[in-house]
PDB file of N, CA and C in Angstrom:
ATOM      1  N   MET A   1      11.052 -21.271  -1.737  1.00  0.00           N
ATOM      2  CA  MET A   1       9.640 -21.182  -1.444  1.00  0.00           C
ATOM      3  C   MET A   1       8.876 -21.889  -2.567  1.00  0.00           C
ATOM      4  N   THR A   2       7.936 -22.727  -2.185  1.00  0.00           N
ATOM      5  CA  THR A   2       7.132 -23.425  -3.185  1.00  0.00           C
ATOM      6  C   THR A   2       6.068 -22.492  -3.749  1.00  0.00           C
ATOM      7  N   ASP A   3       5.473 -22.906  -4.857  1.00  0.00           N
ATOM      8  CA  ASP A   3       4.388 -22.112  -5.442  1.00  0.00           C
ATOM      9  C   ASP A   3       3.253 -21.929  -4.444  1.00  0.00           C
ATOM     10  N   MET A   4       2.927 -22.996  -3.714  1.00  0.00           N
ATOM     11  CA  MET A   4       1.836 -22.919  -2.742  1.00  0.00           C
ATOM     12  C   MET A   4       2.173 -21.923  -1.633  1.00  0.00           C
ATOM     13  N   GLU A   5       3.411 -21.929  -1.161  1.00  0.00           N
ATOM     14  CA  GLU A   5       3.809 -20.970  -0.126  1.00  0.00           C
ATOM     15  C   GLU A   5       3.726 -19.539  -0.648  1.00  0.00           C
ATOM     16  N   GLY A   6       4.094 -19.344  -1.902  1.00  0.00           N
ATOM     17  CA  GLY A   6       3.992 -18.017  -2.495  1.00  0.00           C
ATOM     18  C   GLY A   6       2.556 -17.539  -2.569  1.00  0.00           C
ATOM     19  N   ILE A   7       1.651 -18.431  -2.936  1.00  0.00           N
ATOM     20  CA  ILE A   7       0.227 -18.083  -2.996  1.00  0.00           C
ATOM     21  C   ILE A   7      -0.285 -17.724  -1.612  1.00  0.00           C
ATOM     22  N   VAL A   8       0.123 -18.489  -0.611  1.00  0.00           N
ATOM     23  CA  VAL A   8      -0.296 -18.207   0.767  1.00  0.00           C
ATOM     24  C   VAL A   8       0.191 -16.821   1.184  1.00  0.00           C
ATOM     25  N   HIS A   9       1.441 -16.463   0.863  1.00  0.00           N
ATOM     26  CA  HIS A   9       1.972 -15.131   1.203  1.00  0.00           C
ATOM     27  C   HIS A   9       1.146 -14.018   0.563  1.00  0.00           C
ATOM     28  N   VAL A  10       0.748 -14.226  -0.676  1.00  0.00           N
ATOM     29  CA  VAL A  10      -0.045 -13.207  -1.371  1.00  0.00           C
ATOM     30  C   VAL A  10      -1.389 -13.021  -0.676  1.00  0.00           C
ATOM     31  N   PHE A  11      -2.065 -14.119  -0.381  1.00  0.00           N
ATOM     32  CA  PHE A  11      -3.371 -13.994   0.269  1.00  0.00           C
ATOM     33  C   PHE A  11      -3.246 -13.443   1.687  1.00  0.00           C
ATOM     34  N   GLN A  12      -2.174 -13.781   2.378  1.00  0.00           N
ATOM     35  CA  GLN A  12      -1.954 -13.195   3.704  1.00  0.00           C
ATOM     36  C   GLN A  12      -1.748 -11.688   3.594  1.00  0.00           C
ATOM     37  N   ALA A  13      -1.072 -11.253   2.555  1.00  0.00           N
ATOM     38  CA  ALA A  13      -0.856  -9.816   2.367  1.00  0.00           C
ATOM     39  C   ALA A  13      -2.178  -9.088   2.162  1.00  0.00           C
ATOM     40  N   PHE A  14      -3.111  -9.708   1.475  1.00  0.00           N
ATOM     41  CA  PHE A  14      -4.418  -9.093   1.231  1.00  0.00           C
ATOM     42  C   PHE A  14      -5.376  -9.266   2.401  1.00  0.00           C
ATOM     43  N   ALA A  15      -5.006 -10.057   3.398  1.00  0.00           N
ATOM     44  CA  ALA A  15      -5.931 -10.398   4.481  1.00  0.00           C
ATOM     45  C   ALA A  15      -5.901  -9.421   5.650  1.00  0.00           C
ATOM     46  N   ASP A  16      -5.242  -8.294   5.489  1.00  0.00           N
ATOM     47  CA  ASP A  16      -5.130  -7.339   6.586  1.00  0.00           C
ATOM     48  C   ASP A  16      -5.688  -5.985   6.157  1.00  0.00           C
ATOM     49  N   PRO A  17      -6.545  -5.373   6.966  1.00  0.00           N
ATOM     50  CA  PRO A  17      -7.137  -4.084   6.590  1.00  0.00           C
ATOM     51  C   PRO A  17      -6.109  -2.974   6.355  1.00  0.00           C
ATOM     52  N   THR A  18      -5.061  -2.918   7.162  1.00  0.00           N
ATOM     53  CA  THR A  18      -4.052  -1.871   6.975  1.00  0.00           C
ATOM     54  C   THR A  18      -3.347  -2.040   5.636  1.00  0.00           C
ATOM     55  N   ARG A  19      -3.030  -3.261   5.277  1.00  0.00           N
ATOM     56  CA  ARG A  19      -2.354  -3.496   3.996  1.00  0.00           C
ATOM     57  C   ARG A  19      -3.273  -3.179   2.818  1.00  0.00           C
ATOM     58  N   LEU A  20      -4.557  -3.480   2.952  1.00  0.00           N
ATOM     59  CA  LEU A  20      -5.501  -3.103   1.892  1.00  0.00           C
ATOM     60  C   LEU A  20      -5.566  -1.590   1.742  1.00  0.00           C
ATOM     61  N   ARG A  21      -5.546  -0.890   2.860  1.00  0.00           N
ATOM     62  CA  ARG A  21      -5.571   0.573   2.820  1.00  0.00           C
ATOM     63  C   ARG A  21      -4.316   1.116   2.139  1.00  0.00           C
ATOM     64  N   LEU A  22      -3.161   0.526   2.450  1.00  0.00           N
ATOM     65  CA  LEU A  22      -1.911   0.949   1.807  1.00  0.00           C
ATOM     66  C   LEU A  22      -1.965   0.714   0.299  1.00  0.00           C
ATOM     67  N   LEU A  23      -2.424  -0.462  -0.098  1.00  0.00           N
ATOM     68  CA  LEU A  23      -2.524  -0.763  -1.524  1.00  0.00           C
ATOM     69  C   LEU A  23      -3.467   0.206  -2.223  1.00  0.00           C
ATOM     70  N   ASN A  24      -4.569   0.520  -1.577  1.00  0.00           N
ATOM     71  CA  ASN A  24      -5.521   1.445  -2.177  1.00  0.00           C
ATOM     72  C   ASN A  24      -4.891   2.824  -2.386  1.00  0.00           C
ATOM     73  N   LEU A  25      -4.164   3.322  -1.393  1.00  0.00           N
ATOM     74  CA  LEU A  25      -3.505   4.624  -1.554  1.00  0.00           C
ATOM     75  C   LEU A  25      -2.461   4.588  -2.665  1.00  0.00           C
ATOM     76  N   LEU A  26      -1.690   3.526  -2.710  1.00  0.00           N
ATOM     77  CA  LEU A  26      -0.646   3.427  -3.727  1.00  0.00           C
ATOM     78  C   LEU A  26      -1.226   3.267  -5.130  1.00  0.00           C
ATOM     79  N   ARG A  27      -2.438   2.765  -5.233  1.00  0.00           N
ATOM     80  CA  ARG A  27      -3.081   2.668  -6.551  1.00  0.00           C
ATOM     81  C   ARG A  27      -3.418   4.049  -7.103  1.00  0.00           C
ATOM     82  N   HIS A  28      -3.616   5.011  -6.211  1.00  0.00           N
ATOM     83  CA  HIS A  28      -4.039   6.341  -6.638  1.00  0.00           C
ATOM     84  C   HIS A  28      -2.900   7.359  -6.695  1.00  0.00           C
ATOM     85  N   GLU A  29      -1.735   6.992  -6.208  1.00  0.00           N
ATOM     86  CA  GLU A  29      -0.577   7.890  -6.214  1.00  0.00           C
ATOM     87  C   GLU A  29       0.575   7.164  -6.894  1.00  0.00           C
ATOM     88  N   LYS A  30       1.419   7.898  -7.555  1.00  0.00           N
ATOM     89  CA  LYS A  30       2.551   7.268  -8.249  1.00  0.00           C
ATOM     90  C   LYS A  30       3.540   6.662  -7.258  1.00  0.00           C
ATOM     91  N   GLU A  31       3.926   7.428  -6.272  1.00  0.00           N
ATOM     92  CA  GLU A  31       4.947   6.997  -5.320  1.00  0.00           C
ATOM     93  C   GLU A  31       4.748   7.781  -4.034  1.00  0.00           C
ATOM     94  N   LEU A  32       4.875   7.096  -2.906  1.00  0.00           N
ATOM     95  CA  LEU A  32       4.677   7.757  -1.614  1.00  0.00           C
ATOM     96  C   LEU A  32       5.742   7.318  -0.626  1.00  0.00           C
ATOM     97  N   CYS A  33       6.162   8.254   0.217  1.00  0.00           N
ATOM     98  CA  CYS A  33       7.112   7.894   1.269  1.00  0.00           C
ATOM     99  C   CYS A  33       6.339   7.363   2.474  1.00  0.00           C
ATOM    100  N   VAL A  34       7.060   6.707   3.354  1.00  0.00           N
ATOM    101  CA  VAL A  34       6.429   6.104   4.526  1.00  0.00           C
ATOM    102  C   VAL A  34       5.744   7.163   5.380  1.00  0.00           C
ATOM    103  N   CYS A  35       6.350   8.338   5.505  1.00  0.00           N
ATOM    104  CA  CYS A  35       5.735   9.367   6.354  1.00  0.00           C
ATOM    105  C   CYS A  35       4.396   9.826   5.786  1.00  0.00           C
ATOM    106  N   ASP A  36       4.271   9.931   4.466  1.00  0.00           N
ATOM    107  CA  ASP A  36       2.988  10.295   3.862  1.00  0.00           C
ATOM    108  C   ASP A  36       1.952   9.202   4.092  1.00  0.00           C
ATOM    109  N   LEU A  37       2.364   7.957   3.905  1.00  0.00           N
ATOM    110  CA  LEU A  37       1.441   6.841   4.122  1.00  0.00           C
ATOM    111  C   LEU A  37       0.998   6.777   5.577  1.00  0.00           C
ATOM    112  N   SER A  38       1.932   6.991   6.500  1.00  0.00           N
ATOM    113  CA  SER A  38       1.594   6.987   7.931  1.00  0.00           C
ATOM    114  C   SER A  38       0.584   8.075   8.254  1.00  0.00           C
ATOM    115  N   ALA A  39       0.805   9.259   7.706  1.00  0.00           N
ATOM    116  CA  ALA A  39      -0.105  10.374   7.968  1.00  0.00           C
ATOM    117  C   ALA A  39      -1.485  10.109   7.378  1.00  0.00           C
ATOM    118  N   ALA A  40      -1.535   9.582   6.169  1.00  0.00           N
ATOM    119  CA  ALA A  40      -2.823   9.329   5.520  1.00  0.00           C
ATOM    120  C   ALA A  40      -3.626   8.269   6.260  1.00  0.00           C
ATOM    121  N   LEU A  41      -2.942   7.267   6.828  1.00  0.00           N
ATOM    122  CA  LEU A  41      -3.631   6.207   7.548  1.00  0.00           C
ATOM    123  C   LEU A  41      -3.819   6.525   9.027  1.00  0.00           C
ATOM    124  N   SER A  42      -3.212   7.606   9.495  1.00  0.00           N
ATOM    125  CA  SER A  42      -3.211   7.943  10.929  1.00  0.00           C
ATOM    126  C   SER A  42      -2.671   6.775  11.750  1.00  0.00           C
ATOM    127  N   GLU A  43      -1.568   6.214  11.276  1.00  0.00           N
ATOM    128  CA  GLU A  43      -0.904   5.088  11.940  1.00  0.00           C
ATOM    129  C   GLU A  43       0.559   5.450  12.180  1.00  0.00           C
ATOM    130  N   GLU A  44       1.164   4.799  13.153  1.00  0.00           N
ATOM    131  CA  GLU A  44       2.574   5.026  13.461  1.00  0.00           C
ATOM    132  C   GLU A  44       3.460   4.483  12.340  1.00  0.00           C
ATOM    133  N   GLN A  45       4.570   5.165  12.098  1.00  0.00           N
ATOM    134  CA  GLN A  45       5.478   4.793  11.019  1.00  0.00           C
ATOM    135  C   GLN A  45       6.011   3.366  11.139  1.00  0.00           C
ATOM    136  N   PRO A  46       6.411   2.883  12.333  1.00  0.00           N
ATOM    137  CA  PRO A  46       6.909   1.501  12.400  1.00  0.00           C
ATOM    138  C   PRO A  46       5.860   0.467  11.977  1.00  0.00           C
ATOM    139  N   LYS A  47       4.615   0.706  12.342  1.00  0.00           N
ATOM    140  CA  LYS A  47       3.541  -0.214  11.944  1.00  0.00           C
ATOM    141  C   LYS A  47       3.380  -0.215  10.428  1.00  0.00           C
ATOM    142  N   VAL A  48       3.369   0.966   9.828  1.00  0.00           N
ATOM    143  CA  VAL A  48       3.227   1.073   8.378  1.00  0.00           C
ATOM    144  C   VAL A  48       4.413   0.404   7.688  1.00  0.00           C
ATOM    145  N   SER A  49       5.613   0.603   8.200  1.00  0.00           N
ATOM    146  CA  SER A  49       6.805  -0.020   7.611  1.00  0.00           C
ATOM    147  C   SER A  49       6.723  -1.541   7.659  1.00  0.00           C
ATOM    148  N   ARG A  50       6.240  -2.086   8.766  1.00  0.00           N
ATOM    149  CA  ARG A  50       6.087  -3.552   8.866  1.00  0.00           C
ATOM    150  C   ARG A  50       5.112  -4.067   7.809  1.00  0.00           C
ATOM    151  N   HIS A  51       4.010  -3.368   7.633  1.00  0.00           N
ATOM    152  CA  HIS A  51       3.024  -3.797   6.638  1.00  0.00           C
ATOM    153  C   HIS A  51       3.572  -3.660   5.218  1.00  0.00           C
ATOM    154  N   LEU A  52       4.325  -2.616   4.964  1.00  0.00           N
ATOM    155  CA  LEU A  52       4.934  -2.446   3.642  1.00  0.00           C
ATOM    156  C   LEU A  52       5.939  -3.559   3.353  1.00  0.00           C
ATOM    157  N   ALA A  53       6.655  -4.011   4.368  1.00  0.00           N
ATOM    158  CA  ALA A  53       7.603  -5.116   4.186  1.00  0.00           C
ATOM    159  C   ALA A  53       6.866  -6.387   3.761  1.00  0.00           C
ATOM    160  N   ILE A  54       5.721  -6.635   4.342  1.00  0.00           N
ATOM    161  CA  ILE A  54       4.921  -7.809   3.971  1.00  0.00           C
ATOM    162  C   ILE A  54       4.435  -7.677   2.531  1.00  0.00           C
ATOM    163  N   LEU A  55       4.017  -6.483   2.147  1.00  0.00           N
ATOM    164  CA  LEU A  55       3.573  -6.260   0.768  1.00  0.00           C
ATOM    165  C   LEU A  55       4.725  -6.429  -0.218  1.00  0.00           C
ATOM    166  N   ARG A  56       5.923  -6.043   0.185  1.00  0.00           N
ATOM    167  CA  ARG A  56       7.106  -6.254  -0.672  1.00  0.00           C
ATOM    168  C   ARG A  56       7.386  -7.735  -0.845  1.00  0.00           C
ATOM    169  N   GLN A  57       7.303  -8.485   0.251  1.00  0.00           N
ATOM    170  CA  GLN A  57       7.556  -9.926   0.180  1.00  0.00           C
ATOM    171  C   GLN A  57       6.559 -10.631  -0.731  1.00  0.00           C
ATOM    172  N   ALA A  58       5.364 -10.076  -0.834  1.00  0.00           N
ATOM    173  CA  ALA A  58       4.327 -10.657  -1.693  1.00  0.00           C
ATOM    174  C   ALA A  58       4.393 -10.101  -3.118  1.00  0.00           C
ATOM    175  N   ASN A  59       5.448  -9.352  -3.439  1.00  0.00           N
ATOM    176  CA  ASN A  59       5.645  -8.762  -4.771  1.00  0.00           C
ATOM    177  C   ASN A  59       4.513  -7.830  -5.180  1.00  0.00           C
ATOM    178  N   LEU A  60       3.975  -7.104  -4.212  1.00  0.00           N
ATOM    179  CA  LEU A  60       2.896  -6.162  -4.499  1.00  0.00           C
ATOM    180  C   LEU A  60       3.385  -4.723  -4.572  1.00  0.00           C
ATOM    181  N   VAL A  61       4.428  -4.393  -3.835  1.00  0.00           N
ATOM    182  CA  VAL A  61       4.987  -3.046  -3.873  1.00  0.00           C
ATOM    183  C   VAL A  61       6.498  -3.130  -4.052  1.00  0.00           C
ATOM    184  N   SER A  62       7.049  -2.047  -4.552  1.00  0.00           N
ATOM    185  CA  SER A  62       8.505  -1.939  -4.658  1.00  0.00           C
ATOM    186  C   SER A  62       8.928  -0.676  -3.922  1.00  0.00           C
ATOM    187  N   VAL A  63      10.202  -0.626  -3.586  1.00  0.00           N
ATOM    188  CA  VAL A  63      10.720   0.493  -2.799  1.00  0.00           C
ATOM    189  C   VAL A  63      11.912   1.106  -3.517  1.00  0.00           C
ATOM    190  N   ARG A  64      12.023   2.423  -3.368  1.00  0.00           N
ATOM    191  CA  ARG A  64      13.172   3.159  -3.894  1.00  0.00           C
ATOM    192  C   ARG A  64      13.743   3.959  -2.733  1.00  0.00           C
ATOM    193  N   ASN A  65      15.037   3.800  -2.511  1.00  0.00           N
ATOM    194  CA  ASN A  65      15.703   4.544  -1.446  1.00  0.00           C
ATOM    195  C   ASN A  65      16.243   5.858  -1.994  1.00  0.00           C
ATOM    196  N   GLU A  66      16.057   6.896  -1.200  1.00  0.00           N
ATOM    197  CA  GLU A  66      16.618   8.209  -1.526  1.00  0.00           C
ATOM    198  C   GLU A  66      17.173   8.767  -0.222  1.00  0.00           C
ATOM    199  N   GLY A  67      18.482   8.628  -0.056  1.00  0.00           N
ATOM    200  CA  GLY A  67      19.074   9.003   1.227  1.00  0.00           C
ATOM    201  C   GLY A  67      18.523   8.093   2.314  1.00  0.00           C
ATOM    202  N   ARG A  68      18.005   8.702   3.360  1.00  0.00           N
ATOM    203  CA  ARG A  68      17.441   7.887   4.442  1.00  0.00           C
ATOM    204  C   ARG A  68      15.946   7.643   4.276  1.00  0.00           C
ATOM    205  N   TRP A  69      15.367   8.121   3.191  1.00  0.00           N
ATOM    206  CA  TRP A  69      13.932   7.983   2.954  1.00  0.00           C
ATOM    207  C   TRP A  69      13.656   6.811   2.025  1.00  0.00           C
ATOM    208  N   LYS A  70      12.499   6.190   2.236  1.00  0.00           N
ATOM    209  CA  LYS A  70      12.052   5.096   1.374  1.00  0.00           C
ATOM    210  C   LYS A  70      10.740   5.502   0.728  1.00  0.00           C
ATOM    211  N   PHE A  71      10.688   5.325  -0.586  1.00  0.00           N
ATOM    212  CA  PHE A  71       9.501   5.666  -1.352  1.00  0.00           C
ATOM    213  C   PHE A  71       8.922   4.391  -1.956  1.00  0.00           C
ATOM    214  N   TYR A  72       7.629   4.219  -1.789  1.00  0.00           N
ATOM    215  CA  TYR A  72       6.953   3.001  -2.221  1.00  0.00           C
ATOM    216  C   TYR A  72       6.003   3.282  -3.370  1.00  0.00           C
ATOM    217  N   GLU A  73       5.864   2.274  -4.220  1.00  0.00           N
ATOM    218  CA  GLU A  73       4.890   2.305  -5.300  1.00  0.00           C
ATOM    219  C   GLU A  73       4.425   0.874  -5.544  1.00  0.00           C
ATOM    220  N   LEU A  74       3.319   0.737  -6.269  1.00  0.00           N
ATOM    221  CA  LEU A  74       2.902  -0.600  -6.655  1.00  0.00           C
ATOM    222  C   LEU A  74       3.980  -1.196  -7.540  1.00  0.00           C
ATOM    223  N   ALA A  75       4.246  -2.465  -7.351  1.00  0.00           N
ATOM    224  CA  ALA A  75       5.268  -3.133  -8.155  1.00  0.00           C
ATOM    225  C   ALA A  75       4.861  -3.103  -9.625  1.00  0.00           C
ATOM    226  N   ARG A  76       5.807  -2.806 -10.478  1.00  0.00           N
ATOM    227  CA  ARG A  76       5.508  -2.713 -11.912  1.00  0.00           C
ATOM    228  C   ARG A  76       5.414  -4.080 -12.559  1.00  0.00           C
ATOM    229  N   LYS A  77       6.245  -4.991 -12.112  1.00  0.00           N
ATOM    230  CA  LYS A  77       6.225  -6.347 -12.663  1.00  0.00           C
ATOM    231  C   LYS A  77       5.689  -7.281 -11.585  1.00  0.00           C
ATOM    232  N   THR A  78       4.419  -7.581 -11.681  1.00  0.00           N
ATOM    233  CA  THR A  78       3.808  -8.463 -10.695  1.00  0.00           C
ATOM    234  C   THR A  78       3.287  -9.711 -11.386  1.00  0.00           C
ATOM    235  N   PRO A  79       3.344 -10.835 -10.688  1.00  0.00           N
ATOM    236  CA  PRO A  79       2.752 -12.054 -11.242  1.00  0.00           C
ATOM    237  C   PRO A  79       1.241 -11.883 -11.452  1.00  0.00           C
ATOM    238  N   LYS A  80       0.684 -12.755 -12.268  1.00  0.00           N
ATOM    239  CA  LYS A  80      -0.721 -12.647 -12.656  1.00  0.00           C
ATOM    240  C   LYS A  80      -1.665 -12.628 -11.455  1.00  0.00           C
ATOM    241  N   LEU A  81      -1.433 -13.469 -10.465  1.00  0.00           N
ATOM    242  CA  LEU A  81      -2.316 -13.510  -9.294  1.00  0.00           C
ATOM    243  C   LEU A  81      -2.368 -12.150  -8.606  1.00  0.00           C
ATOM    244  N   GLN A  82      -1.209 -11.545  -8.368  1.00  0.00           N
ATOM    245  CA  GLN A  82      -1.168 -10.242  -7.712  1.00  0.00           C
ATOM    246  C   GLN A  82      -1.879  -9.177  -8.549  1.00  0.00           C
ATOM    247  N   ARG A  83      -1.668  -9.178  -9.858  1.00  0.00           N
ATOM    248  CA  ARG A  83      -2.342  -8.198 -10.725  1.00  0.00           C
ATOM    249  C   ARG A  83      -3.856  -8.332 -10.636  1.00  0.00           C
ATOM    250  N   ARG A  84      -4.342  -9.558 -10.647  1.00  0.00           N
ATOM    251  CA  ARG A  84      -5.792  -9.771 -10.583  1.00  0.00           C
ATOM    252  C   ARG A  84      -6.355  -9.329  -9.239  1.00  0.00           C
ATOM    253  N   LEU A  85      -5.649  -9.634  -8.177  1.00  0.00           N
ATOM    254  CA  LEU A  85      -6.136  -9.223  -6.854  1.00  0.00           C
ATOM    255  C   LEU A  85      -6.115  -7.706  -6.709  1.00  0.00           C
ATOM    256  N   LEU A  86      -5.084  -7.059  -7.230  1.00  0.00           N
ATOM    257  CA  LEU A  86      -5.044  -5.593  -7.183  1.00  0.00           C
ATOM    258  C   LEU A  86      -6.201  -4.989  -7.974  1.00  0.00           C
ATOM    259  N   ARG A  87      -6.508  -5.568  -9.121  1.00  0.00           N
ATOM    260  CA  ARG A  87      -7.643  -5.069  -9.909  1.00  0.00           C
ATOM    261  C   ARG A  87      -8.955  -5.243  -9.159  1.00  0.00           C
ATOM    262  N   SER A  88      -9.030  -6.259  -8.305  1.00  0.00           N
ATOM    263  CA  SER A  88     -10.275  -6.474  -7.557  1.00  0.00           C
ATOM    264  C   SER A  88     -10.561  -5.312  -6.607  1.00  0.00           C
ATOM    265  N   LEU A  89      -9.537  -4.555  -6.232  1.00  0.00           N
ATOM    266  CA  LEU A  89      -9.767  -3.388  -5.380  1.00  0.00           C
ATOM    267  C   LEU A  89     -10.568  -2.314  -6.107  1.00  0.00           C
ATOM    268  N   ASP A  90     -10.576  -2.349  -7.434  1.00  0.00           N
ATOM    269  CA  ASP A  90     -11.381  -1.388  -8.197  1.00  0.00           C
ATOM    270  C   ASP A  90     -12.867  -1.554  -7.906  1.00  0.00           C
ATOM    271  N   ALA A  91     -13.266  -2.749  -7.493  1.00  0.00           N
ATOM    272  CA  ALA A  91     -14.680  -3.006  -7.208  1.00  0.00           C
ATOM    273  C   ALA A  91     -15.124  -2.354  -5.909  1.00  0.00           C
ATOM    274  N   VAL A  92     -14.164  -1.924  -5.093  1.00  0.00           N
ATOM    275  CA  VAL A  92     -14.497  -1.298  -3.816  1.00  0.00           C
ATOM    276  C   VAL A  92     -14.751   0.180  -4.063  1.00  0.00           C
ATOM    277  N   ASN A  93     -15.971   0.591  -3.840  1.00  0.00           N
ATOM    278  CA  ASN A  93     -16.339   1.994  -3.994  1.00  0.00           C
ATOM    279  C   ASN A  93     -16.501   2.582  -2.604  1.00  0.00           C
ATOM    280  N   PRO A  94     -15.603   3.491  -2.184  1.00  0.00           N
ATOM    281  CA  PRO A  94     -15.679   4.014  -0.819  1.00  0.00           C
ATOM    282  C   PRO A  94     -16.984   4.744  -0.528  1.00  0.00           C
ATOM    283  N   LEU A  95     -17.676   5.203  -1.556  1.00  0.00           N
ATOM    284  CA  LEU A  95     -18.949   5.881  -1.317  1.00  0.00           C
ATOM    285  C   LEU A  95     -20.066   4.896  -1.004  1.00  0.00           C
ATOM    286  N   GLU A  96     -19.907   3.643  -1.436  1.00  0.00           N
ATOM    287  CA  GLU A  96     -20.939   2.643  -1.214  1.00  0.00           C
ATOM    288  C   GLU A  96     -20.614   1.706  -0.055  1.00  0.00           C
ATOM    289  N   THR A  97     -19.379   1.679   0.378  1.00  0.00           N
ATOM    290  CA  THR A  97     -18.974   0.795   1.460  1.00  0.00           C
ATOM    291  C   THR A  97     -18.572   1.641   2.647  1.00  0.00           C
ATOM    292  N   GLU A  98     -17.841   1.042   3.568  1.00  0.00           N
ATOM    293  CA  GLU A  98     -17.392   1.827   4.712  1.00  0.00           C
ATOM    294  C   GLU A  98     -16.497   2.969   4.243  1.00  0.00           C
ATOM    295  N   ASP A  99     -16.355   3.960   5.060  1.00  0.00           N
ATOM    296  CA  ASP A  99     -15.657   5.179   4.662  1.00  0.00           C
ATOM    297  C   ASP A  99     -14.137   5.107   4.789  1.00  0.00           C
ATOM    298  N   THR A 100     -13.578   3.977   5.170  1.00  0.00           N
ATOM    299  CA  THR A 100     -12.145   3.907   5.446  1.00  0.00           C
ATOM    300  C   THR A 100     -11.305   4.339   4.249  1.00  0.00           C
ATOM    301  N   PHE A 101     -11.518   3.746   3.077  1.00  0.00           N
ATOM    302  CA  PHE A 101     -10.726   4.107   1.897  1.00  0.00           C
ATOM    303  C   PHE A 101     -10.916   5.578   1.559  1.00  0.00           C
ATOM    304  N   GLY A 102     -12.149   6.038   1.593  1.00  0.00           N
ATOM    305  CA  GLY A 102     -12.431   7.439   1.273  1.00  0.00           C
ATOM    306  C   GLY A 102     -11.780   8.393   2.248  1.00  0.00           C
ATOM    307  N   ASN A 103     -11.822   8.054   3.540  1.00  0.00           N
ATOM    308  CA  ASN A 103     -11.174   8.898   4.553  1.00  0.00           C
ATOM    309  C   ASN A 103      -9.668   8.952   4.341  1.00  0.00           C
ATOM    310  N   ASP A 104      -9.068   7.803   4.025  1.00  0.00           N
ATOM    311  CA  ASP A 104      -7.624   7.771   3.752  1.00  0.00           C
ATOM    312  C   ASP A 104      -7.285   8.679   2.579  1.00  0.00           C
ATOM    313  N   GLN A 105      -8.076   8.599   1.529  1.00  0.00           N
ATOM    314  CA  GLN A 105      -7.802   9.403   0.338  1.00  0.00           C
ATOM    315  C   GLN A 105      -7.999  10.893   0.622  1.00  0.00           C
ATOM    316  N   GLN A 106      -8.974  11.230   1.455  1.00  0.00           N
ATOM    317  CA  GLN A 106      -9.168  12.638   1.816  1.00  0.00           C
ATOM    318  C   GLN A 106      -7.983  13.161   2.619  1.00  0.00           C
ATOM    319  N   ARG A 107      -7.500  12.356   3.579  1.00  0.00           N
ATOM    320  CA  ARG A 107      -6.328  12.779   4.352  1.00  0.00           C
ATOM    321  C   ARG A 107      -5.121  12.933   3.436  1.00  0.00           C
ATOM    322  N   MET A 108      -4.968  12.006   2.486  1.00  0.00           N
ATOM    323  CA  MET A 108      -3.839  12.077   1.557  1.00  0.00           C
ATOM    324  C   MET A 108      -3.932  13.349   0.722  1.00  0.00           C
ATOM    325  N   ALA A 109      -5.110  13.677   0.261  1.00  0.00           N
ATOM    326  CA  ALA A 109      -5.288  14.886  -0.552  1.00  0.00           C
ATOM    327  C   ALA A 109      -4.957  16.138   0.252  1.00  0.00           C
ATOM    328  N   GLY A 110      -5.149  16.085   1.563  1.00  0.00           N
ATOM    329  CA  GLY A 110      -4.880  17.243   2.405  1.00  0.00           C
ATOM    330  C   GLY A 110      -3.429  17.399   2.803  1.00  0.00           C
ATOM    331  N   LEU A 111      -2.625  16.405   2.537  1.00  0.00           N
ATOM    332  CA  LEU A 111      -1.210  16.469   2.909  1.00  0.00           C
ATOM    333  C   LEU A 111      -0.418  17.260   1.882  1.00  0.00           C
ATOM    334  N   VAL A 112       0.586  17.926   2.354  1.00  0.00           N
ATOM    335  CA  VAL A 112       1.578  18.493   1.448  1.00  0.00           C
ATOM    336  C   VAL A 112       2.602  17.383   1.286  1.00  0.00           C
ATOM    337  N   LEU A 113       2.463  16.622   0.202  1.00  0.00           N
ATOM    338  CA  LEU A 113       3.233  15.397   0.028  1.00  0.00           C
ATOM    339  C   LEU A 113       4.733  15.634   0.112  1.00  0.00           C
ATOM    340  N   ARG A 114       5.363  14.783   0.875  1.00  0.00           N
ATOM    341  CA  ARG A 114       6.813  14.723   1.034  1.00  0.00           C
ATOM    342  C   ARG A 114       7.419  15.942   1.697  1.00  0.00           C
ATOM    343  N   LEU A 115       6.607  16.831   2.205  1.00  0.00           N
ATOM    344  CA  LEU A 115       7.148  18.021   2.857  1.00  0.00           C
ATOM    345  C   LEU A 115       8.049  17.621   4.025  1.00  0.00           C
ATOM    346  N   ARG A 116       7.622  16.620   4.798  1.00  0.00           N
ATOM    347  CA  ARG A 116       8.415  16.178   5.945  1.00  0.00           C
ATOM    348  C   ARG A 116       9.625  15.364   5.519  1.00  0.00           C
ATOM    349  N   CYS A 117       9.614  14.853   4.297  1.00  0.00           N
ATOM    350  CA  CYS A 117      10.680  13.958   3.851  1.00  0.00           C
ATOM    351  C   CYS A 117      11.870  14.692   3.261  1.00  0.00           C
ATOM    352  N   ARG A 118      11.760  15.924   3.019  1.00  0.00           N
ATOM    353  CA  ARG A 118      12.848  16.648   2.355  1.00  0.00           C
ATOM    354  C   ARG A 118      13.642  17.450   3.354  1.00  0.00           C
TER     355      ARG A 118
END
């Protein structure tokens, strides 16, 4: 993959509302399983898994397997472009913009994390 193709993949990863929502949740939690992310977004697990795969390809998230469960977190070693774009999400204040990020975070706070995963 050329540098230009890599840049395109990164911007494509940020160009989808569901992926932005996933990144926002992962910024506020250390590690989350797919079932928690699905519940917080009120989306089906296969859809969330597809979006997480795209984020992995763009070096934005990493995955840890535990038995049949997959746990995701923001990638610890990310290239400079990805780090800067992730920091740009800090400028989004859910109280001043649409309620999507805030609603996701409220649903996440209401979940008993990983209860379904164990």
